Amino acid sequence: WLTVLLMLVTVAAVAPLSEELLFRVTLQGWLSARYGSTRGIPVVAVLFSAIHGWRDGLALLPLALILGVLYERRRSYLAVVVAHGLFN
């Protein structure tokens, strides 16, 4: 049970917290401010997808784009972490 609990915490909390801070808040925030959200969101979505490997990444690309748009519209770290965690 401990292994299952640790996996659940990692997938539902740790990964979304760290990935969204890195990709949405930091990278997308910087790219969108510099080049606009129409360029920043897709670039970050591709990078986010790429770190998951090409098979998983291809399937994750729509989620990555949705999370990018969600962050752009809401400017809420909490919103993208919750959405990412629920997806996982």
N, C-alpha and C. Protein backbone atom coordinates (compact mmCIF):
# COMPACT_ATOMS: atom_id res chain seq x y z
N TRP A 1 0.82 -1.20 0.00
CA TRP A 1 0.00 0.00 0.00
C TRP A 1 0.85 1.26 0.00
N LEU A 2 1.99 1.16 0.65
CA LEU A 2 2.87 2.33 0.70
C LEU A 2 3.37 2.71 -0.69
N THR A 3 3.71 1.71 -1.48
CA THR A 3 4.17 1.97 -2.85
C THR A 3 3.08 2.61 -3.68
N VAL A 4 1.87 2.11 -3.56
CA VAL A 4 0.74 2.68 -4.31
C VAL A 4 0.49 4.11 -3.85
N LEU A 5 0.55 4.36 -2.57
CA LEU A 5 0.34 5.72 -2.05
C LEU A 5 1.42 6.67 -2.55
N LEU A 6 2.66 6.22 -2.53
CA LEU A 6 3.75 7.07 -3.03
C LEU A 6 3.61 7.36 -4.52
N MET A 7 3.21 6.37 -5.28
CA MET A 7 2.99 6.58 -6.72
C MET A 7 1.85 7.58 -6.94
N LEU A 8 0.78 7.44 -6.19
CA LEU A 8 -0.36 8.34 -6.32
C LEU A 8 0.03 9.79 -6.00
N VAL A 9 0.77 9.97 -4.92
CA VAL A 9 1.22 11.31 -4.54
C VAL A 9 2.13 11.89 -5.61
N THR A 10 3.02 11.06 -6.14
CA THR A 10 3.95 11.54 -7.17
C THR A 10 3.21 11.94 -8.44
N VAL A 11 2.31 11.09 -8.90
CA VAL A 11 1.59 11.34 -10.16
C VAL A 11 0.59 12.47 -10.02
N ALA A 12 -0.10 12.52 -8.88
CA ALA A 12 -1.18 13.50 -8.72
C ALA A 12 -0.71 14.83 -8.16
N ALA A 13 0.45 14.86 -7.51
CA ALA A 13 0.85 16.12 -6.87
C ALA A 13 2.25 16.57 -7.27
N VAL A 14 3.25 15.73 -7.06
CA VAL A 14 4.63 16.16 -7.27
C VAL A 14 4.90 16.50 -8.74
N ALA A 15 4.52 15.62 -9.64
CA ALA A 15 4.77 15.88 -11.07
C ALA A 15 4.03 17.14 -11.55
N PRO A 16 2.73 17.28 -11.28
CA PRO A 16 2.06 18.51 -11.72
C PRO A 16 2.64 19.78 -11.10
N LEU A 17 2.99 19.73 -9.82
CA LEU A 17 3.56 20.92 -9.17
C LEU A 17 4.87 21.33 -9.82
N SER A 18 5.75 20.38 -10.05
CA SER A 18 7.06 20.72 -10.60
C SER A 18 6.98 21.04 -12.10
N GLU A 19 6.25 20.24 -12.86
CA GLU A 19 6.17 20.47 -14.30
C GLU A 19 5.48 21.77 -14.64
N GLU A 20 4.41 22.08 -13.96
CA GLU A 20 3.68 23.33 -14.26
C GLU A 20 4.48 24.56 -13.84
N LEU A 21 5.22 24.45 -12.75
CA LEU A 21 6.06 25.57 -12.35
C LEU A 21 7.14 25.81 -13.40
N LEU A 22 7.75 24.75 -13.85
CA LEU A 22 8.81 24.88 -14.86
C LEU A 22 8.26 25.31 -16.21
N PHE A 23 7.27 24.58 -16.72
CA PHE A 23 6.83 24.81 -18.09
C PHE A 23 5.86 25.98 -18.23
N ARG A 24 4.82 26.02 -17.44
CA ARG A 24 3.82 27.08 -17.62
C ARG A 24 4.28 28.38 -17.00
N VAL A 25 4.59 28.37 -15.72
CA VAL A 25 4.89 29.63 -15.03
C VAL A 25 6.20 30.24 -15.52
N THR A 26 7.25 29.46 -15.53
CA THR A 26 8.56 30.00 -15.88
C THR A 26 8.74 30.15 -17.39
N LEU A 27 8.71 29.03 -18.10
CA LEU A 27 9.04 29.05 -19.52
C LEU A 27 7.96 29.74 -20.36
N GLN A 28 6.71 29.36 -20.18
CA GLN A 28 5.64 29.99 -20.96
C GLN A 28 5.51 31.46 -20.59
N GLY A 29 5.63 31.76 -19.31
CA GLY A 29 5.55 33.16 -18.89
C GLY A 29 6.61 34.01 -19.59
N TRP A 30 7.84 33.49 -19.64
CA TRP A 30 8.92 34.23 -20.28
C TRP A 30 8.73 34.32 -21.80
N LEU A 31 8.44 33.18 -22.44
CA LEU A 31 8.28 33.18 -23.90
C LEU A 31 7.09 34.03 -24.35
N SER A 32 5.99 33.92 -23.62
CA SER A 32 4.80 34.70 -23.99
C SER A 32 5.03 36.19 -23.82
N ALA A 33 5.74 36.57 -22.79
CA ALA A 33 6.04 37.99 -22.59
C ALA A 33 6.97 38.51 -23.69
N ARG A 34 7.86 37.66 -24.12
CA ARG A 34 8.85 38.07 -25.12
C ARG A 34 8.33 37.98 -26.56
N TYR A 35 7.62 36.89 -26.88
CA TYR A 35 7.20 36.63 -28.27
C TYR A 35 5.70 36.56 -28.47
N GLY A 36 4.92 36.67 -27.42
CA GLY A 36 3.47 36.58 -27.52
C GLY A 36 2.98 35.17 -27.24
N SER A 37 1.76 35.05 -26.77
CA SER A 37 1.22 33.75 -26.37
C SER A 37 0.97 32.84 -27.57
N THR A 38 0.73 33.40 -28.75
CA THR A 38 0.51 32.54 -29.92
C THR A 38 1.78 31.78 -30.31
N ARG A 39 2.92 32.26 -29.91
CA ARG A 39 4.17 31.53 -30.13
C ARG A 39 4.59 30.77 -28.87
N GLY A 40 4.41 31.39 -27.72
CA GLY A 40 4.86 30.80 -26.47
C GLY A 40 4.15 29.51 -26.11
N ILE A 41 2.83 29.48 -26.25
CA ILE A 41 2.06 28.30 -25.86
C ILE A 41 2.44 27.07 -26.69
N PRO A 42 2.47 27.14 -28.02
CA PRO A 42 2.83 25.93 -28.77
C PRO A 42 4.27 25.47 -28.54
N VAL A 43 5.20 26.40 -28.39
CA VAL A 43 6.59 26.01 -28.15
C VAL A 43 6.70 25.26 -26.83
N VAL A 44 6.09 25.79 -25.79
CA VAL A 44 6.14 25.13 -24.48
C VAL A 44 5.38 23.81 -24.51
N ALA A 45 4.27 23.76 -25.23
CA ALA A 45 3.51 22.50 -25.34
C ALA A 45 4.34 21.41 -25.99
N VAL A 46 5.09 21.75 -27.03
CA VAL A 46 5.95 20.77 -27.70
C VAL A 46 7.08 20.33 -26.76
N LEU A 47 7.68 21.26 -26.05
CA LEU A 47 8.74 20.91 -25.10
C LEU A 47 8.20 20.02 -23.98
N PHE A 48 7.04 20.37 -23.45
CA PHE A 48 6.41 19.58 -22.40
C PHE A 48 6.14 18.16 -22.90
N SER A 49 5.61 18.06 -24.09
CA SER A 49 5.32 16.75 -24.67
C SER A 49 6.60 15.96 -24.93
N ALA A 50 7.63 16.63 -25.38
CA ALA A 50 8.89 15.97 -25.72
C ALA A 50 9.55 15.31 -24.52
N ILE A 51 9.43 15.90 -23.34
CA ILE A 51 10.09 15.29 -22.17
C ILE A 51 9.42 13.98 -21.76
N HIS A 52 8.23 13.72 -22.27
CA HIS A 52 7.52 12.49 -21.95
C HIS A 52 7.78 11.38 -22.97
N GLY A 53 8.68 11.62 -23.90
CA GLY A 53 8.97 10.63 -24.94
C GLY A 53 8.02 10.81 -26.11
N TRP A 54 8.41 10.32 -27.26
CA TRP A 54 7.63 10.63 -28.47
C TRP A 54 6.27 9.94 -28.48
N ARG A 55 6.16 8.72 -27.96
CA ARG A 55 4.84 8.05 -27.97
C ARG A 55 3.86 8.72 -27.02
N ASP A 56 4.26 8.88 -25.78
CA ASP A 56 3.39 9.56 -24.81
C ASP A 56 3.25 11.03 -25.16
N GLY A 57 4.34 11.62 -25.62
CA GLY A 57 4.32 13.04 -25.93
C GLY A 57 3.33 13.42 -27.01
N LEU A 58 3.20 12.58 -28.01
CA LEU A 58 2.24 12.85 -29.08
C LEU A 58 0.82 12.87 -28.53
N ALA A 59 0.53 11.93 -27.66
CA ALA A 59 -0.81 11.88 -27.05
C ALA A 59 -1.02 13.02 -26.06
N LEU A 60 0.06 13.52 -25.46
CA LEU A 60 -0.04 14.60 -24.46
C LEU A 60 -0.07 15.99 -25.07
N LEU A 61 0.22 16.11 -26.35
CA LEU A 61 0.25 17.43 -26.97
C LEU A 61 -1.06 18.20 -26.83
N PRO A 62 -2.22 17.60 -27.06
CA PRO A 62 -3.47 18.36 -26.85
C PRO A 62 -3.62 18.85 -25.40
N LEU A 63 -3.27 17.99 -24.43
CA LEU A 63 -3.34 18.41 -23.03
C LEU A 63 -2.39 19.58 -22.79
N ALA A 64 -1.19 19.49 -23.32
CA ALA A 64 -0.20 20.55 -23.12
C ALA A 64 -0.70 21.88 -23.69
N LEU A 65 -1.36 21.84 -24.84
CA LEU A 65 -1.92 23.06 -25.42
C LEU A 65 -3.05 23.61 -24.56
N ILE A 66 -3.90 22.73 -24.07
CA ILE A 66 -5.01 23.15 -23.20
C ILE A 66 -4.48 23.77 -21.91
N LEU A 67 -3.48 23.14 -21.31
CA LEU A 67 -2.89 23.70 -20.09
C LEU A 67 -2.26 25.06 -20.37
N GLY A 68 -1.64 25.21 -21.53
CA GLY A 68 -1.06 26.50 -21.90
C GLY A 68 -2.09 27.59 -22.03
N VAL A 69 -3.20 27.27 -22.68
CA VAL A 69 -4.28 28.24 -22.84
C VAL A 69 -4.92 28.55 -21.48
N LEU A 70 -5.11 27.53 -20.68
CA LEU A 70 -5.67 27.73 -19.33
C LEU A 70 -4.80 28.67 -18.52
N TYR A 71 -3.50 28.44 -18.55
CA TYR A 71 -2.60 29.33 -17.80
C TYR A 71 -2.62 30.74 -18.37
N GLU A 72 -2.64 30.86 -19.67
CA GLU A 72 -2.65 32.18 -20.30
C GLU A 72 -3.89 32.98 -19.93
N ARG A 73 -5.03 32.31 -19.90
CA ARG A 73 -6.30 33.00 -19.60
C ARG A 73 -6.48 33.28 -18.12
N ARG A 74 -6.12 32.31 -17.27
CA ARG A 74 -6.37 32.45 -15.84
C ARG A 74 -5.20 33.03 -15.06
N ARG A 75 -3.97 32.86 -15.59
CA ARG A 75 -2.76 33.25 -14.88
C ARG A 75 -2.74 32.63 -13.48
N SER A 76 -3.15 31.37 -13.42
CA SER A 76 -3.27 30.68 -12.14
C SER A 76 -2.45 29.39 -12.15
N TYR A 77 -1.40 29.39 -11.36
CA TYR A 77 -0.58 28.19 -11.17
C TYR A 77 -1.44 27.07 -10.60
N LEU A 78 -2.29 27.41 -9.64
CA LEU A 78 -3.16 26.42 -9.02
C LEU A 78 -4.10 25.77 -10.03
N ALA A 79 -4.65 26.54 -10.94
CA ALA A 79 -5.58 26.01 -11.93
C ALA A 79 -4.91 24.96 -12.82
N VAL A 80 -3.69 25.25 -13.30
CA VAL A 80 -3.03 24.29 -14.18
C VAL A 80 -2.52 23.07 -13.41
N VAL A 81 -2.13 23.26 -12.15
CA VAL A 81 -1.70 22.11 -11.34
C VAL A 81 -2.87 21.18 -11.08
N VAL A 82 -4.01 21.74 -10.73
CA VAL A 82 -5.20 20.90 -10.49
C VAL A 82 -5.63 20.19 -11.76
N ALA A 83 -5.68 20.90 -12.88
CA ALA A 83 -6.06 20.26 -14.15
C ALA A 83 -5.09 19.16 -14.52
N HIS A 84 -3.81 19.41 -14.38
CA HIS A 84 -2.78 18.41 -14.68
C HIS A 84 -2.91 17.21 -13.75
N GLY A 85 -3.09 17.47 -12.47
CA GLY A 85 -3.23 16.39 -11.50
C GLY A 85 -4.45 15.53 -11.76
N LEU A 86 -5.56 16.17 -12.09
CA LEU A 86 -6.78 15.42 -12.41
C LEU A 86 -6.60 14.58 -13.67
N PHE A 87 -5.90 15.14 -14.64
CA PHE A 87 -5.63 14.36 -15.86
C PHE A 87 -4.79 13.13 -15.56
N ASN A 88 -3.75 13.31 -14.76
CA ASN A 88 -2.89 12.19 -14.41
C ASN A 88 -3.67 11.11 -13.69
